[in-house]
Structures are given as structure tokens and as C-alpha cells.
PDB file of N, CA and C in Angstrom:
ATOM      1  N   UNK A   1      -5.144 -19.516   7.742  1.00  0.00           N
ATOM      2  CA  UNK A   1      -3.836 -20.059   7.463  1.00  0.00           C
ATOM      3  C   UNK A   1      -3.674 -21.317   8.303  1.00  0.00           C
ATOM      4  N   UNK A   2      -3.265 -22.428   7.724  1.00  0.00           N
ATOM      5  CA  UNK A   2      -3.054 -23.640   8.492  1.00  0.00           C
ATOM      6  C   UNK A   2      -1.720 -24.274   8.152  1.00  0.00           C
ATOM      7  N   UNK A   3      -1.216 -25.045   9.114  1.00  0.00           N
ATOM      8  CA  UNK A   3       0.046 -25.730   8.877  1.00  0.00           C
ATOM      9  C   UNK A   3      -0.225 -27.120   8.312  1.00  0.00           C
ATOM     10  N   UNK A   4       0.825 -27.899   8.093  1.00  0.00           N
ATOM     11  CA  UNK A   4       0.681 -29.209   7.462  1.00  0.00           C
ATOM     12  C   UNK A   4      -0.090 -30.204   8.325  1.00  0.00           C
ATOM     13  N   UNK A   5      -0.176 -29.967   9.630  1.00  0.00           N
ATOM     14  CA  UNK A   5      -0.911 -30.878  10.502  1.00  0.00           C
ATOM     15  C   UNK A   5      -2.398 -30.553  10.533  1.00  0.00           C
ATOM     16  N   UNK A   6      -2.830 -29.533   9.788  1.00  0.00           N
ATOM     17  CA  UNK A   6      -4.240 -29.180   9.729  1.00  0.00           C
ATOM     18  C   UNK A   6      -4.652 -28.152  10.757  1.00  0.00           C
ATOM     19  N   UNK A   7      -3.747 -27.817  11.684  1.00  0.00           N
ATOM     20  CA  UNK A   7      -4.055 -26.809  12.693  1.00  0.00           C
ATOM     21  C   UNK A   7      -3.814 -25.409  12.164  1.00  0.00           C
ATOM     22  N   UNK A   8      -4.320 -24.420  12.898  1.00  0.00           N
ATOM     23  CA  UNK A   8      -4.084 -23.027  12.500  1.00  0.00           C
ATOM     24  C   UNK A   8      -2.654 -22.642  12.786  1.00  0.00           C
ATOM     25  N   UNK A   9      -2.064 -21.896  11.867  1.00  0.00           N
ATOM     26  CA  UNK A   9      -0.699 -21.419  12.048  1.00  0.00           C
ATOM     27  C   UNK A   9      -0.763 -19.951  12.442  1.00  0.00           C
ATOM     28  N   UNK A  10       0.006 -19.553  13.442  1.00  0.00           N
ATOM     29  CA  UNK A  10       0.046 -18.162  13.853  1.00  0.00           C
ATOM     30  C   UNK A  10       1.468 -17.827  14.281  1.00  0.00           C
ATOM     31  N   UNK A  11       1.751 -16.533  14.361  1.00  0.00           N
ATOM     32  CA  UNK A  11       3.076 -16.077  14.781  1.00  0.00           C
ATOM     33  C   UNK A  11       2.911 -14.977  15.820  1.00  0.00           C
ATOM     34  N   UNK A  12       3.982 -14.686  16.532  1.00  0.00           N
ATOM     35  CA  UNK A  12       3.935 -13.665  17.576  1.00  0.00           C
ATOM     36  C   UNK A  12       4.049 -12.252  17.032  1.00  0.00           C
ATOM     37  N   UNK A  13       4.722 -12.072  15.912  1.00  0.00           N
ATOM     38  CA  UNK A  13       4.945 -10.731  15.384  1.00  0.00           C
ATOM     39  C   UNK A  13       3.952 -10.395  14.277  1.00  0.00           C
ATOM     40  N   UNK A  14       3.582  -9.137  14.208  1.00  0.00           N
ATOM     41  CA  UNK A  14       2.721  -8.660  13.124  1.00  0.00           C
ATOM     42  C   UNK A  14       3.578  -8.354  11.901  1.00  0.00           C
ATOM     43  N   UNK A  15       2.936  -8.158  10.775  1.00  0.00           N
ATOM     44  CA  UNK A  15       3.667  -7.763   9.573  1.00  0.00           C
ATOM     45  C   UNK A  15       4.320  -6.395   9.758  1.00  0.00           C
ATOM     46  N   UNK A  16       3.682  -5.511  10.532  1.00  0.00           N
ATOM     47  CA  UNK A  16       4.285  -4.199  10.793  1.00  0.00           C
ATOM     48  C   UNK A  16       5.624  -4.372  11.523  1.00  0.00           C
ATOM     49  N   UNK A  17       5.659  -5.249  12.507  1.00  0.00           N
ATOM     50  CA  UNK A  17       6.904  -5.495  13.244  1.00  0.00           C
ATOM     51  C   UNK A  17       7.957  -6.101  12.328  1.00  0.00           C
ATOM     52  N   UNK A  18       7.556  -7.048  11.501  1.00  0.00           N
ATOM     53  CA  UNK A  18       8.511  -7.679  10.589  1.00  0.00           C
ATOM     54  C   UNK A  18       9.105  -6.669   9.610  1.00  0.00           C
ATOM     55  N   UNK A  19       8.268  -5.823   9.044  1.00  0.00           N
ATOM     56  CA  UNK A  19       8.749  -4.805   8.109  1.00  0.00           C
ATOM     57  C   UNK A  19       9.746  -3.887   8.820  1.00  0.00           C
ATOM     58  N   UNK A  20       9.422  -3.475  10.030  1.00  0.00           N
ATOM     59  CA  UNK A  20      10.308  -2.602  10.790  1.00  0.00           C
ATOM     60  C   UNK A  20      11.656  -3.287  11.055  1.00  0.00           C
ATOM     61  N   UNK A  21      11.636  -4.553  11.383  1.00  0.00           N
ATOM     62  CA  UNK A  21      12.876  -5.295  11.645  1.00  0.00           C
ATOM     63  C   UNK A  21      13.727  -5.389  10.378  1.00  0.00           C
ATOM     64  N   UNK A  22      13.118  -5.710   9.254  1.00  0.00           N
ATOM     65  CA  UNK A  22      13.872  -5.831   8.003  1.00  0.00           C
ATOM     66  C   UNK A  22      14.492  -4.488   7.630  1.00  0.00           C
ATOM     67  N   UNK A  23      13.743  -3.412   7.788  1.00  0.00           N
ATOM     68  CA  UNK A  23      14.274  -2.083   7.480  1.00  0.00           C
ATOM     69  C   UNK A  23      15.379  -1.700   8.463  1.00  0.00           C
ATOM     70  N   UNK A  24      15.224  -2.054   9.732  1.00  0.00           N
ATOM     71  CA  UNK A  24      16.262  -1.755  10.724  1.00  0.00           C
ATOM     72  C   UNK A  24      17.553  -2.495  10.396  1.00  0.00           C
ATOM     73  N   UNK A  25      17.438  -3.703   9.853  1.00  0.00           N
ATOM     74  CA  UNK A  25      18.635  -4.473   9.469  1.00  0.00           C
ATOM     75  C   UNK A  25      19.359  -3.843   8.290  1.00  0.00           C
ATOM     76  N   UNK A  26      18.587  -3.266   7.360  1.00  0.00           N
ATOM     77  CA  UNK A  26      19.184  -2.673   6.155  1.00  0.00           C
ATOM     78  C   UNK A  26      18.367  -1.450   5.761  1.00  0.00           C
ATOM     79  N   UNK A  27      18.753  -0.271   6.229  1.00  0.00           N
ATOM     80  CA  UNK A  27      17.975   0.948   5.961  1.00  0.00           C
ATOM     81  C   UNK A  27      17.863   1.318   4.488  1.00  0.00           C
ATOM     82  N   UNK A  28      18.688   0.727   3.633  1.00  0.00           N
ATOM     83  CA  UNK A  28      18.627   1.016   2.213  1.00  0.00           C
ATOM     84  C   UNK A  28      17.916  -0.069   1.417  1.00  0.00           C
ATOM     85  N   UNK A  29      17.237  -0.961   2.105  1.00  0.00           N
ATOM     86  CA  UNK A  29      16.587  -2.099   1.469  1.00  0.00           C
ATOM     87  C   UNK A  29      15.466  -1.648   0.527  1.00  0.00           C
ATOM     88  N   UNK A  30      15.286  -2.380  -0.576  1.00  0.00           N
ATOM     89  CA  UNK A  30      14.176  -2.098  -1.488  1.00  0.00           C
ATOM     90  C   UNK A  30      12.910  -2.737  -0.925  1.00  0.00           C
ATOM     91  N   UNK A  31      11.774  -2.084  -1.150  1.00  0.00           N
ATOM     92  CA  UNK A  31      10.527  -2.598  -0.612  1.00  0.00           C
ATOM     93  C   UNK A  31      10.185  -3.971  -1.178  1.00  0.00           C
ATOM     94  N   UNK A  32      10.600  -4.255  -2.402  1.00  0.00           N
ATOM     95  CA  UNK A  32      10.331  -5.592  -2.956  1.00  0.00           C
ATOM     96  C   UNK A  32      11.102  -6.649  -2.181  1.00  0.00           C
ATOM     97  N   UNK A  33      12.299  -6.289  -1.684  1.00  0.00           N
ATOM     98  CA  UNK A  33      13.073  -7.231  -0.880  1.00  0.00           C
ATOM     99  C   UNK A  33      12.470  -7.387   0.518  1.00  0.00           C
ATOM    100  N   UNK A  34      11.909  -6.306   1.043  1.00  0.00           N
ATOM    101  CA  UNK A  34      11.188  -6.387   2.321  1.00  0.00           C
ATOM    102  C   UNK A  34       9.999  -7.331   2.162  1.00  0.00           C
ATOM    103  N   UNK A  35       9.271  -7.176   1.082  1.00  0.00           N
ATOM    104  CA  UNK A  35       8.105  -8.018   0.816  1.00  0.00           C
ATOM    105  C   UNK A  35       8.509  -9.493   0.745  1.00  0.00           C
ATOM    106  N   UNK A  36       9.598  -9.772   0.047  1.00  0.00           N
ATOM    107  CA  UNK A  36      10.057 -11.159  -0.072  1.00  0.00           C
ATOM    108  C   UNK A  36      10.448 -11.720   1.296  1.00  0.00           C
ATOM    109  N   UNK A  37      11.161 -10.932   2.087  1.00  0.00           N
ATOM    110  CA  UNK A  37      11.594 -11.387   3.409  1.00  0.00           C
ATOM    111  C   UNK A  37      10.404 -11.640   4.339  1.00  0.00           C
ATOM    112  N   UNK A  38       9.393 -10.789   4.234  1.00  0.00           N
ATOM    113  CA  UNK A  38       8.222 -10.892   5.117  1.00  0.00           C
ATOM    114  C   UNK A  38       7.143 -11.822   4.563  1.00  0.00           C
ATOM    115  N   UNK A  39       7.348 -12.284   3.332  1.00  0.00           N
ATOM    116  CA  UNK A  39       6.390 -13.167   2.659  1.00  0.00           C
ATOM    117  C   UNK A  39       5.004 -12.532   2.527  1.00  0.00           C
ATOM    118  N   UNK A  40       5.015 -11.258   2.104  1.00  0.00           N
ATOM    119  CA  UNK A  40       3.786 -10.516   1.808  1.00  0.00           C
ATOM    120  C   UNK A  40       3.995  -9.813   0.468  1.00  0.00           C
ATOM    121  N   UNK A  41       2.947  -9.182  -0.029  1.00  0.00           N
ATOM    122  CA  UNK A  41       3.075  -8.486  -1.305  1.00  0.00           C
ATOM    123  C   UNK A  41       3.779  -7.147  -1.131  1.00  0.00           C
ATOM    124  N   UNK A  42       4.314  -6.653  -2.237  1.00  0.00           N
ATOM    125  CA  UNK A  42       4.961  -5.344  -2.214  1.00  0.00           C
ATOM    126  C   UNK A  42       3.950  -4.250  -1.856  1.00  0.00           C
ATOM    127  N   UNK A  43       2.724  -4.399  -2.314  1.00  0.00           N
ATOM    128  CA  UNK A  43       1.679  -3.428  -1.998  1.00  0.00           C
ATOM    129  C   UNK A  43       1.395  -3.408  -0.490  1.00  0.00           C
ATOM    130  N   UNK A  44       1.408  -4.570   0.129  1.00  0.00           N
ATOM    131  CA  UNK A  44       1.220  -4.644   1.582  1.00  0.00           C
ATOM    132  C   UNK A  44       2.342  -3.912   2.296  1.00  0.00           C
ATOM    133  N   UNK A  45       3.582  -4.116   1.844  1.00  0.00           N
ATOM    134  CA  UNK A  45       4.728  -3.438   2.460  1.00  0.00           C
ATOM    135  C   UNK A  45       4.617  -1.931   2.271  1.00  0.00           C
ATOM    136  N   UNK A  46       4.203  -1.486   1.094  1.00  0.00           N
ATOM    137  CA  UNK A  46       4.025  -0.044   0.861  1.00  0.00           C
ATOM    138  C   UNK A  46       3.018   0.541   1.846  1.00  0.00           C
ATOM    139  N   UNK A  47       1.918  -0.166   2.078  1.00  0.00           N
ATOM    140  CA  UNK A  47       0.901   0.309   3.019  1.00  0.00           C
ATOM    141  C   UNK A  47       1.437   0.321   4.445  1.00  0.00           C
ATOM    142  N   UNK A  48       2.202  -0.699   4.807  1.00  0.00           N
ATOM    143  CA  UNK A  48       2.775  -0.766   6.151  1.00  0.00           C
ATOM    144  C   UNK A  48       3.781   0.358   6.364  1.00  0.00           C
ATOM    145  N   UNK A  49       4.650   0.591   5.388  1.00  0.00           N
ATOM    146  CA  UNK A  49       5.630   1.682   5.491  1.00  0.00           C
ATOM    147  C   UNK A  49       4.897   3.017   5.621  1.00  0.00           C
ATOM    148  N   UNK A  50       3.826   3.204   4.865  1.00  0.00           N
ATOM    149  CA  UNK A  50       3.026   4.440   4.980  1.00  0.00           C
ATOM    150  C   UNK A  50       2.445   4.566   6.385  1.00  0.00           C
ATOM    151  N   UNK A  51       1.947   3.474   6.944  1.00  0.00           N
ATOM    152  CA  UNK A  51       1.426   3.481   8.320  1.00  0.00           C
ATOM    153  C   UNK A  51       2.520   3.881   9.309  1.00  0.00           C
ATOM    154  N   UNK A  52       3.700   3.268   9.167  1.00  0.00           N
ATOM    155  CA  UNK A  52       4.803   3.532  10.093  1.00  0.00           C
ATOM    156  C   UNK A  52       5.294   4.973   9.981  1.00  0.00           C
ATOM    157  N   UNK A  53       5.311   5.503   8.755  1.00  0.00           N
ATOM    158  CA  UNK A  53       5.712   6.901   8.570  1.00  0.00           C
ATOM    159  C   UNK A  53       4.662   7.845   9.145  1.00  0.00           C
ATOM    160  N   UNK A  54       3.409   7.558   8.889  1.00  0.00           N
ATOM    161  CA  UNK A  54       2.331   8.420   9.396  1.00  0.00           C
ATOM    162  C   UNK A  54       2.317   8.460  10.926  1.00  0.00           C
ATOM    163  N   UNK A  55       2.652   7.326  11.553  1.00  0.00           N
ATOM    164  CA  UNK A  55       2.661   7.251  13.016  1.00  0.00           C
ATOM    165  C   UNK A  55       3.961   7.790  13.613  1.00  0.00           C
ATOM    166  N   UNK A  56       4.943   8.128  12.770  1.00  0.00           N
ATOM    167  CA  UNK A  56       6.184   8.716  13.264  1.00  0.00           C
ATOM    168  C   UNK A  56       7.280   7.738  13.607  1.00  0.00           C
ATOM    169  N   UNK A  57       7.094   6.452  13.325  1.00  0.00           N
ATOM    170  CA  UNK A  57       8.112   5.450  13.631  1.00  0.00           C
ATOM    171  C   UNK A  57       9.253   5.435  12.620  1.00  0.00           C
ATOM    172  N   UNK A  58       8.973   5.925  11.433  1.00  0.00           N
ATOM    173  CA  UNK A  58       9.895   5.776  10.328  1.00  0.00           C
ATOM    174  C   UNK A  58       9.833   7.006   9.447  1.00  0.00           C
ATOM    175  N   UNK A  59      10.970   7.399   8.887  1.00  0.00           N
ATOM    176  CA  UNK A  59      11.025   8.432   7.849  1.00  0.00           C
ATOM    177  C   UNK A  59      11.925   7.901   6.747  1.00  0.00           C
ATOM    178  N   UNK A  60      11.884   8.566   5.606  1.00  0.00           N
ATOM    179  CA  UNK A  60      12.792   8.166   4.543  1.00  0.00           C
ATOM    180  C   UNK A  60      13.323   9.398   3.834  1.00  0.00           C
ATOM    181  N   UNK A  61      14.469   9.202   3.226  1.00  0.00           N
ATOM    182  CA  UNK A  61      15.087  10.252   2.420  1.00  0.00           C
ATOM    183  C   UNK A  61      15.534   9.604   1.122  1.00  0.00           C
ATOM    184  N   UNK A  62      15.410  10.343   0.066  1.00  0.00           N
ATOM    185  CA  UNK A  62      15.800   9.847  -1.253  1.00  0.00           C
ATOM    186  C   UNK A  62      17.313   9.930  -1.383  1.00  0.00           C
ATOM    187  N   UNK A  63      17.951   8.843  -1.792  1.00  0.00           N
ATOM    188  CA  UNK A  63      19.383   8.816  -2.077  1.00  0.00           C
ATOM    189  C   UNK A  63      19.541   8.233  -3.476  1.00  0.00           C
ATOM    190  N   UNK A  64      19.724   9.105  -4.437  1.00  0.00           N
ATOM    191  CA  UNK A  64      19.795   8.640  -5.823  1.00  0.00           C
ATOM    192  C   UNK A  64      18.453   8.100  -6.257  1.00  0.00           C
ATOM    193  N   UNK A  65      18.445   6.853  -6.687  1.00  0.00           N
ATOM    194  CA  UNK A  65      17.202   6.231  -7.141  1.00  0.00           C
ATOM    195  C   UNK A  65      16.529   5.412  -6.049  1.00  0.00           C
ATOM    196  N   UNK A  66      17.076   5.440  -4.845  1.00  0.00           N
ATOM    197  CA  UNK A  66      16.552   4.614  -3.760  1.00  0.00           C
ATOM    198  C   UNK A  66      16.173   5.453  -2.555  1.00  0.00           C
ATOM    199  N   UNK A  67      15.410   4.847  -1.684  1.00  0.00           N
ATOM    200  CA  UNK A  67      15.080   5.457  -0.401  1.00  0.00           C
ATOM    201  C   UNK A  67      15.986   4.881   0.675  1.00  0.00           C
ATOM    202  N   UNK A  68      16.312   5.693   1.644  1.00  0.00           N
ATOM    203  CA  UNK A  68      17.032   5.246   2.838  1.00  0.00           C
ATOM    204  C   UNK A  68      16.118   5.570   4.009  1.00  0.00           C
ATOM    205  N   UNK A  69      15.866   4.580   4.827  1.00  0.00           N
ATOM    206  CA  UNK A  69      14.911   4.710   5.924  1.00  0.00           C
ATOM    207  C   UNK A  69      15.626   5.005   7.235  1.00  0.00           C
ATOM    208  N   UNK A  70      14.937   5.728   8.096  1.00  0.00           N
ATOM    209  CA  UNK A  70      15.463   6.095   9.408  1.00  0.00           C
ATOM    210  C   UNK A  70      14.393   5.815  10.449  1.00  0.00           C
ATOM    211  N   UNK A  71      14.772   5.091  11.508  1.00  0.00           N
ATOM    212  CA  UNK A  71      13.866   4.844  12.622  1.00  0.00           C
ATOM    213  C   UNK A  71      13.916   6.039  13.560  1.00  0.00           C
ATOM    214  N   UNK A  72      12.760   6.444  14.031  1.00  0.00           N
ATOM    215  CA  UNK A  72      12.695   7.529  15.006  1.00  0.00           C
ATOM    216  C   UNK A  72      13.072   6.976  16.378  1.00  0.00           C
ATOM    217  N   UNK A  73      13.846   7.717  17.123  1.00  0.00           N
ATOM    218  CA  UNK A  73      14.225   7.257  18.460  1.00  0.00           C
ATOM    219  C   UNK A  73      13.119   7.574  19.459  1.00  0.00           C
ATOM    220  N   UNK A  74      13.053   6.780  20.507  1.00  0.00           N
ATOM    221  CA  UNK A  74      12.113   7.016  21.603  1.00  0.00           C
ATOM    222  C   UNK A  74      10.677   6.588  21.348  1.00  0.00           C
ATOM    223  N   UNK A  75      10.404   5.956  20.216  1.00  0.00           N
ATOM    224  CA  UNK A  75       9.031   5.549  19.912  1.00  0.00           C
ATOM    225  C   UNK A  75       8.634   4.349  20.763  1.00  0.00           C
ATOM    226  N   UNK A  76       7.390   4.388  21.209  1.00  0.00           N
ATOM    227  CA  UNK A  76       6.872   3.330  22.084  1.00  0.00           C
ATOM    228  C   UNK A  76       5.848   2.486  21.353  1.00  0.00           C
ATOM    229  N   UNK A  77       5.601   1.301  21.915  1.00  0.00           N
ATOM    230  CA  UNK A  77       4.555   0.442  21.370  1.00  0.00           C
ATOM    231  C   UNK A  77       3.217   1.159  21.457  1.00  0.00           C
ATOM    232  N   UNK A  78       2.308   0.825  20.561  1.00  0.00           N
ATOM    233  CA  UNK A  78       1.034   1.526  20.457  1.00  0.00           C
ATOM    234  C   UNK A  78      -0.043   1.003  21.397  1.00  0.00           C
ATOM    235  N   UNK A  79      -0.001  -0.254  21.760  1.00  0.00           N
ATOM    236  CA  UNK A  79      -1.039  -0.836  22.604  1.00  0.00           C
ATOM    237  C   UNK A  79      -0.795  -0.467  24.065  1.00  0.00           C
ATOM    238  N   UNK A  80      -1.849  -0.166  24.818  1.00  0.00           N
ATOM    239  CA  UNK A  80      -1.676   0.235  26.222  1.00  0.00           C
ATOM    240  C   UNK A  80      -0.903  -0.774  27.080  1.00  0.00           C
ATOM    241  N   UNK A  81      -1.018  -2.065  26.792  1.00  0.00           N
ATOM    242  CA  UNK A  81      -0.284  -3.061  27.581  1.00  0.00           C
ATOM    243  C   UNK A  81       1.224  -2.925  27.436  1.00  0.00           C
ATOM    244  N   UNK A  82       1.686  -2.484  26.260  1.00  0.00           N
ATOM    245  CA  UNK A  82       3.121  -2.359  26.019  1.00  0.00           C
ATOM    246  C   UNK A  82       3.560  -0.905  25.913  1.00  0.00           C
ATOM    247  N   UNK A  83       2.650   0.023  26.087  1.00  0.00           N
ATOM    248  CA  UNK A  83       2.914   1.435  25.836  1.00  0.00           C
ATOM    249  C   UNK A  83       4.039   2.054  26.645  1.00  0.00           C
ATOM    250  N   UNK A  84       4.434   1.400  27.734  1.00  0.00           N
ATOM    251  CA  UNK A  84       5.531   1.929  28.551  1.00  0.00           C
ATOM    252  C   UNK A  84       6.899   1.551  27.996  1.00  0.00           C
ATOM    253  N   UNK A  85       6.922   0.717  26.954  1.00  0.00           N
ATOM    254  CA  UNK A  85       8.181   0.208  26.417  1.00  0.00           C
ATOM    255  C   UNK A  85       8.487   0.807  25.044  1.00  0.00           C
ATOM    256  N   UNK A  86       9.765   1.123  24.834  1.00  0.00           N
ATOM    257  CA  UNK A  86      10.216   1.604  23.521  1.00  0.00           C
ATOM    258  C   UNK A  86      10.392   0.415  22.581  1.00  0.00           C
ATOM    259  N   UNK A  87      10.152   0.642  21.305  1.00  0.00           N
ATOM    260  CA  UNK A  87      10.298  -0.438  20.323  1.00  0.00           C
ATOM    261  C   UNK A  87      11.750  -0.861  20.162  1.00  0.00           C
ATOM    262  N   UNK A  88      12.689  -0.032  20.607  1.00  0.00           N
ATOM    263  CA  UNK A  88      14.099  -0.405  20.484  1.00  0.00           C
ATOM    264  C   UNK A  88      14.407  -1.679  21.267  1.00  0.00           C
ATOM    265  N   UNK A  89      13.654  -1.960  22.329  1.00  0.00           N
ATOM    266  CA  UNK A  89      13.861  -3.201  23.075  1.00  0.00           C
ATOM    267  C   UNK A  89      13.592  -4.418  22.208  1.00  0.00           C
ATOM    268  N   UNK A  90      12.512  -4.365  21.442  1.00  0.00           N
ATOM    269  CA  UNK A  90      12.187  -5.459  20.529  1.00  0.00           C
ATOM    270  C   UNK A  90      13.233  -5.551  19.425  1.00  0.00           C
ATOM    271  N   UNK A  91      13.619  -4.410  18.886  1.00  0.00           N
ATOM    272  CA  UNK A  91      14.622  -4.407  17.827  1.00  0.00           C
ATOM    273  C   UNK A  91      15.958  -4.933  18.345  1.00  0.00           C
ATOM    274  N   UNK A  92      16.338  -4.566  19.574  1.00  0.00           N
ATOM    275  CA  UNK A  92      17.575  -5.094  20.164  1.00  0.00           C
ATOM    276  C   UNK A  92      17.543  -6.617  20.165  1.00  0.00           C
ATOM    277  N   UNK A  93      16.427  -7.166  20.576  1.00  0.00           N
ATOM    278  CA  UNK A  93      16.282  -8.613  20.650  1.00  0.00           C
ATOM    279  C   UNK A  93      16.383  -9.257  19.267  1.00  0.00           C
ATOM    280  N   UNK A  94      15.688  -8.693  18.304  1.00  0.00           N
ATOM    281  CA  UNK A  94      15.601  -9.311  16.987  1.00  0.00           C
ATOM    282  C   UNK A  94      16.772  -8.996  16.065  1.00  0.00           C
ATOM    283  N   UNK A  95      17.520  -7.941  16.358  1.00  0.00           N
ATOM    284  CA  UNK A  95      18.670  -7.593  15.520  1.00  0.00           C
ATOM    285  C   UNK A  95      19.977  -8.173  16.028  1.00  0.00           C
ATOM    286  N   UNK A  96      20.027  -8.532  17.302  1.00  0.00           N
ATOM    287  CA  UNK A  96      21.248  -9.100  17.870  1.00  0.00           C
ATOM    288  C   UNK A  96      21.449 -10.507  17.325  1.00  0.00           C
ATOM    289  N   UNK A  97      22.704 -10.873  17.167  1.00  0.00           N
ATOM    290  CA  UNK A  97      22.999 -12.238  16.752  1.00  0.00           C
ATOM    291  C   UNK A  97      22.527 -13.172  17.858  1.00  0.00           C
ATOM    292  N   UNK A  98      21.940 -14.316  17.516  1.00  0.00           N
ATOM    293  CA  UNK A  98      21.458 -15.239  18.542  1.00  0.00           C
ATOM    294  C   UNK A  98      22.560 -15.574  19.534  1.00  0.00           C
ATOM    295  N   UNK A  99      22.248 -15.397  20.815  1.00  0.00           N
ATOM    296  CA  UNK A  99      23.198 -15.739  21.865  1.00  0.00           C
ATOM    297  C   UNK A  99      24.191 -14.656  22.234  1.00  0.00           C
ATOM    298  N   UNK A 100      24.255 -13.543  21.484  1.00  0.00           N
ATOM    299  CA  UNK A 100      25.264 -12.532  21.840  1.00  0.00           C
ATOM    300  C   UNK A 100      24.752 -11.557  22.889  1.00  0.00           C
ATOM    301  N   UNK A 101      23.436 -11.400  23.009  1.00  0.00           N
ATOM    302  CA  UNK A 101      22.867 -10.545  24.039  1.00  0.00           C
ATOM    303  C   UNK A 101      23.227  -9.083  23.901  1.00  0.00           C
ATOM    304  N   UNK A 102      23.852  -8.711  22.804  1.00  0.00           N
ATOM    305  CA  UNK A 102      24.295  -7.332  22.616  1.00  0.00           C
ATOM    306  C   UNK A 102      23.172  -6.405  22.231  1.00  0.00           C
ATOM    307  N   UNK A 103      23.416  -5.122  22.400  1.00  0.00           N
ATOM    308  CA  UNK A 103      22.447  -4.104  22.040  1.00  0.00           C
ATOM    309  C   UNK A 103      22.834  -3.519  20.698  1.00  0.00           C
ATOM    310  N   UNK A 104      22.156  -3.950  19.654  1.00  0.00           N
ATOM    311  CA  UNK A 104      22.486  -3.511  18.310  1.00  0.00           C
ATOM    312  C   UNK A 104      21.745  -2.249  17.952  1.00  0.00           C
ATOM    313  N   UNK A 105      20.416  -2.243  18.152  1.00  0.00           N
ATOM    314  CA  UNK A 105      19.619  -1.159  17.600  1.00  0.00           C
ATOM    315  C   UNK A 105      19.706   0.143  18.398  1.00  0.00           C
ATOM    316  N   UNK A 106      20.003   0.097  19.683  1.00  0.00           N
ATOM    317  CA  UNK A 106      20.085   1.348  20.445  1.00  0.00           C
ATOM    318  C   UNK A 106      21.109   2.284  19.819  1.00  0.00           C
ATOM    319  N   UNK A 107      22.246   1.752  19.456  1.00  0.00           N
ATOM    320  CA  UNK A 107      23.262   2.582  18.830  1.00  0.00           C
ATOM    321  C   UNK A 107      22.789   3.047  17.459  1.00  0.00           C
ATOM    322  N   UNK A 108      22.148   2.158  16.743  1.00  0.00           N
ATOM    323  CA  UNK A 108      21.690   2.503  15.398  1.00  0.00           C
ATOM    324  C   UNK A 108      20.548   3.513  15.438  1.00  0.00           C
ATOM    325  N   UNK A 109      19.665   3.377  16.422  1.00  0.00           N
ATOM    326  CA  UNK A 109      18.491   4.239  16.485  1.00  0.00           C
ATOM    327  C   UNK A 109      18.824   5.589  17.102  1.00  0.00           C
ATOM    328  N   UNK A 110      19.885   5.664  17.876  1.00  0.00           N
ATOM    329  CA  UNK A 110      20.248   6.913  18.545  1.00  0.00           C
ATOM    330  C   UNK A 110      20.143   8.104  17.599  1.00  0.00           C
ATOM    331  N   UNK A 111      20.722   7.992  16.428  1.00  0.00           N
ATOM    332  CA  UNK A 111      20.642   9.058  15.436  1.00  0.00           C
ATOM    333  C   UNK A 111      19.715   8.666  14.296  1.00  0.00           C
ATOM    334  N   UNK A 112      18.981   7.589  14.471  1.00  0.00           N
ATOM    335  CA  UNK A 112      18.145   7.064  13.402  1.00  0.00           C
ATOM    336  C   UNK A 112      18.901   5.976  12.683  1.00  0.00           C
ATOM    337  N   UNK A 113      18.263   4.859  12.418  1.00  0.00           N
ATOM    338  CA  UNK A 113      18.922   3.764  11.709  1.00  0.00           C
ATOM    339  C   UNK A 113      19.434   4.299  10.384  1.00  0.00           C
ATOM    340  N   UNK A 114      20.654   4.004  10.111  1.00  0.00           N
ATOM    341  CA  UNK A 114      21.250   4.438   8.861  1.00  0.00           C
ATOM    342  C   UNK A 114      21.847   5.829   8.935  1.00  0.00           C
ATOM    343  N   UNK A 115      21.737   6.472  10.066  1.00  0.00           N
ATOM    344  CA  UNK A 115      22.300   7.817  10.201  1.00  0.00           C
ATOM    345  C   UNK A 115      23.805   7.736  10.300  1.00  0.00           C
ATOM    346  N   UNK A 116      24.469   8.697   9.718  1.00  0.00           N
ATOM    347  CA  UNK A 116      25.932   8.695   9.759  1.00  0.00           C
ATOM    348  C   UNK A 116      26.429   9.355  11.006  1.00  0.00           C
TER     349      UNK A 116
END
């Protein structure tokens, strides 16, 4: 992947992190909308959601014709360098409005994102 200047383009977040952030923002989101937001294919998002569910980061429940996703509380990063940190810290950063410094996802994740 390269940018317009001919150099390699890279980002700090993985597609798994992006998918998790989009779902945390809207637990009732359709996977095709997640794919559009993350600029990947719907099949890629399906595989990522399956990975996240298999690892215990995410669950879903059927509501009518749609799925509603729930983030598991207390989940930590998978790599040993970050393993002491919960993913809610990253979600807090990325879900908060720029400059507000508020903790958005801790409240949402407490009972699972989208939990009543």
C-alpha cells in the first residue's frame, strides 16, 4: 500500500481494532456498514468478528433480523507488551469526543456494549 508521494502508507490500528471500535460505537451496526467504515470487504469483517467472538472479546444476540453485539468486560490486549492493559482504555480514547477526555466505553462495557 502506498500513498500519493510514493512512500508506504501504514496505520497504528489493525483492522481488528477498527472493527471493534465501529461495533462499540453502534452495537446494532450491520457488518456491511462496518466494512464500509473500515474500508475492507464484508467477508473480511465477518472473519474478524468470528476471531473476536472466538477469543471472547465479543458476543452477539439476534434481535429480529439483525445482530446486536456486546463487548466482554475485562478483556486485555493479546500481545505480551500490552497484556497488562484492558482494551477499554483504547476504546475510551477512540470513542470519546476529541478533546473531552471523558470515559465513554467503561460505562458501556460494564454490562457489555449495548446492554440495557
